Amino acid sequence: MAYDDEALMDKIREIYPEIRRHGISLGLDFNKEKNAYIIKFTKGRHELTTHLEKKDADDCMNNIKCVYLGVQVGQFVRNFEEAE
């Protein structure tokens, strides 16, 4: 499945609306060695870096929620809410 980084970021924001709702910045880069996307969430001084396997990214683009990524997004949102 062919898509670019921007399309994947848009899809992640669509599947996980809490990213936009909480003003979380999202960035990603593809790591060929790991065959995975390195995803970085930031809000203020809070930051989380995680990875998304290529197969999971393909699933996301096919509107299948990425459970692992959803857990990471949820934990990040909880962490910065508790700190503020």
C-alpha atoms as a PDB file:
ATOM      1  CA  MET A   1       0.000   0.000   0.000  1.00  0.00           C
ATOM      2  CA  ALA A   2       1.466   3.340  -1.054  1.00  0.00           C
ATOM      3  CA  TYR A   3       1.014   6.476   1.061  1.00  0.00           C
ATOM      4  CA  ASP A   4       3.208   9.269   2.318  1.00  0.00           C
ATOM      5  CA  ASP A   5       4.034  10.407   5.853  1.00  0.00           C
ATOM      6  CA  GLU A   6       1.506  13.252   5.745  1.00  0.00           C
ATOM      7  CA  ALA A   7      -1.323  10.891   4.760  1.00  0.00           C
ATOM      8  CA  LEU A   8      -0.423   8.543   7.622  1.00  0.00           C
ATOM      9  CA  MET A   9      -0.338  11.414  10.128  1.00  0.00           C
ATOM     10  CA  ASP A  10      -3.739  12.603   8.897  1.00  0.00           C
ATOM     11  CA  LYS A  11      -5.141   9.082   9.283  1.00  0.00           C
ATOM     12  CA  ILE A  12      -3.732   8.723  12.815  1.00  0.00           C
ATOM     13  CA  ARG A  13      -5.319  12.059  13.762  1.00  0.00           C
ATOM     14  CA  GLU A  14      -8.606  10.901  12.242  1.00  0.00           C
ATOM     15  CA  ILE A  15      -8.603   7.560  14.087  1.00  0.00           C
ATOM     16  CA  TYR A  16      -7.466   9.160  17.363  1.00  0.00           C
ATOM     17  CA  PRO A  17      -9.275  12.535  17.576  1.00  0.00           C
ATOM     18  CA  GLU A  18      -7.952  13.102  21.092  1.00  0.00           C
ATOM     19  CA  ILE A  19      -4.639  14.085  19.467  1.00  0.00           C
ATOM     20  CA  ARG A  20      -6.215  17.217  17.968  1.00  0.00           C
ATOM     21  CA  ARG A  21      -8.641  17.743  20.840  1.00  0.00           C
ATOM     22  CA  HIS A  22      -5.742  18.013  23.299  1.00  0.00           C
ATOM     23  CA  GLY A  23      -3.467  20.021  20.970  1.00  0.00           C
ATOM     24  CA  ILE A  24      -0.833  17.304  20.728  1.00  0.00           C
ATOM     25  CA  SER A  25       1.791  17.692  18.001  1.00  0.00           C
ATOM     26  CA  LEU A  26       2.497  14.617  15.918  1.00  0.00           C
ATOM     27  CA  GLY A  27       5.595  13.856  13.888  1.00  0.00           C
ATOM     28  CA  LEU A  28       6.901  10.709  12.263  1.00  0.00           C
ATOM     29  CA  ASP A  29       9.775   9.302  10.260  1.00  0.00           C
ATOM     30  CA  PHE A  30      10.133   5.931   8.583  1.00  0.00           C
ATOM     31  CA  ASN A  31      13.070   3.824   9.799  1.00  0.00           C
ATOM     32  CA  LYS A  32      14.040   1.438   6.983  1.00  0.00           C
ATOM     33  CA  GLU A  33      16.235  -0.664   9.285  1.00  0.00           C
ATOM     34  CA  LYS A  34      13.331  -1.387  11.631  1.00  0.00           C
ATOM     35  CA  ASN A  35      10.673  -1.324   8.887  1.00  0.00           C
ATOM     36  CA  ALA A  36       8.667   0.876  11.240  1.00  0.00           C
ATOM     37  CA  TYR A  37       7.583   4.459  11.698  1.00  0.00           C
ATOM     38  CA  ILE A  38       9.059   6.347  14.631  1.00  0.00           C
ATOM     39  CA  ILE A  39       6.245   8.510  15.976  1.00  0.00           C
ATOM     40  CA  LYS A  40       6.752  11.489  18.260  1.00  0.00           C
ATOM     41  CA  PHE A  41       3.942  13.090  20.267  1.00  0.00           C
ATOM     42  CA  THR A  42       4.625  16.403  21.988  1.00  0.00           C
ATOM     43  CA  LYS A  43       2.677  18.887  24.049  1.00  0.00           C
ATOM     44  CA  GLY A  44       4.544  21.592  25.905  1.00  0.00           C
ATOM     45  CA  ARG A  45       7.372  19.955  27.796  1.00  0.00           C
ATOM     46  CA  HIS A  46       5.813  16.494  27.501  1.00  0.00           C
ATOM     47  CA  GLU A  47       7.079  14.104  24.853  1.00  0.00           C
ATOM     48  CA  LEU A  48       6.526  10.477  23.884  1.00  0.00           C
ATOM     49  CA  THR A  49       8.360   8.595  21.167  1.00  0.00           C
ATOM     50  CA  THR A  50       7.063   5.224  20.045  1.00  0.00           C
ATOM     51  CA  HIS A  51       7.125   3.063  16.940  1.00  0.00           C
ATOM     52  CA  LEU A  52       4.483   1.762  14.567  1.00  0.00           C
ATOM     53  CA  GLU A  53       5.304  -1.332  12.538  1.00  0.00           C
ATOM     54  CA  LYS A  54       4.781  -0.968   8.772  1.00  0.00           C
ATOM     55  CA  LYS A  55       2.009  -3.592   8.839  1.00  0.00           C
ATOM     56  CA  ASP A  56       0.215  -1.687  11.609  1.00  0.00           C
ATOM     57  CA  ALA A  57       0.584   1.548   9.631  1.00  0.00           C
ATOM     58  CA  ASP A  58      -0.970  -0.206   6.632  1.00  0.00           C
ATOM     59  CA  ASP A  59      -3.857  -1.317   8.872  1.00  0.00           C
ATOM     60  CA  CYS A  60      -4.325   2.253  10.071  1.00  0.00           C
ATOM     61  CA  MET A  61      -4.563   3.429   6.480  1.00  0.00           C
ATOM     62  CA  ASN A  62      -7.266   0.777   5.973  1.00  0.00           C
ATOM     63  CA  ASN A  63      -9.267   2.223   8.913  1.00  0.00           C
ATOM     64  CA  ILE A  64      -8.265  -0.501  11.349  1.00  0.00           C
ATOM     65  CA  LYS A  65      -7.409   0.948  14.753  1.00  0.00           C
ATOM     66  CA  CYS A  66      -3.889   0.312  15.911  1.00  0.00           C
ATOM     67  CA  VAL A  67      -4.392  -1.009  19.451  1.00  0.00           C
ATOM     68  CA  TYR A  68      -0.777  -0.496  20.534  1.00  0.00           C
ATOM     69  CA  LEU A  69      -0.736   3.065  19.210  1.00  0.00           C
ATOM     70  CA  GLY A  70      -4.089   3.778  20.857  1.00  0.00           C
ATOM     71  CA  VAL A  71      -2.692   2.679  24.219  1.00  0.00           C
ATOM     72  CA  GLN A  72       0.304   4.964  23.726  1.00  0.00           C
ATOM     73  CA  VAL A  73      -1.896   7.945  22.777  1.00  0.00           C
ATOM     74  CA  GLY A  74      -4.171   7.318  25.772  1.00  0.00           C
ATOM     75  CA  GLN A  75      -1.264   7.049  28.197  1.00  0.00           C
ATOM     76  CA  PHE A  76       0.340  10.217  26.838  1.00  0.00           C
ATOM     77  CA  VAL A  77      -2.907  12.178  27.220  1.00  0.00           C
ATOM     78  CA  ARG A  78      -3.316  10.920  30.805  1.00  0.00           C
ATOM     79  CA  ASN A  79       0.298  11.738  31.692  1.00  0.00           C
ATOM     80  CA  PHE A  80       0.198  15.347  30.592  1.00  0.00           C
ATOM     81  CA  GLU A  81      -3.292  15.904  32.083  1.00  0.00           C
ATOM     82  CA  GLU A  82      -2.105  14.636  35.464  1.00  0.00           C
ATOM     83  CA  ALA A  83       0.996  16.835  35.360  1.00  0.00           C
ATOM     84  CA  GLU A  84      -0.915  20.032  34.610  1.00  0.00           C
END
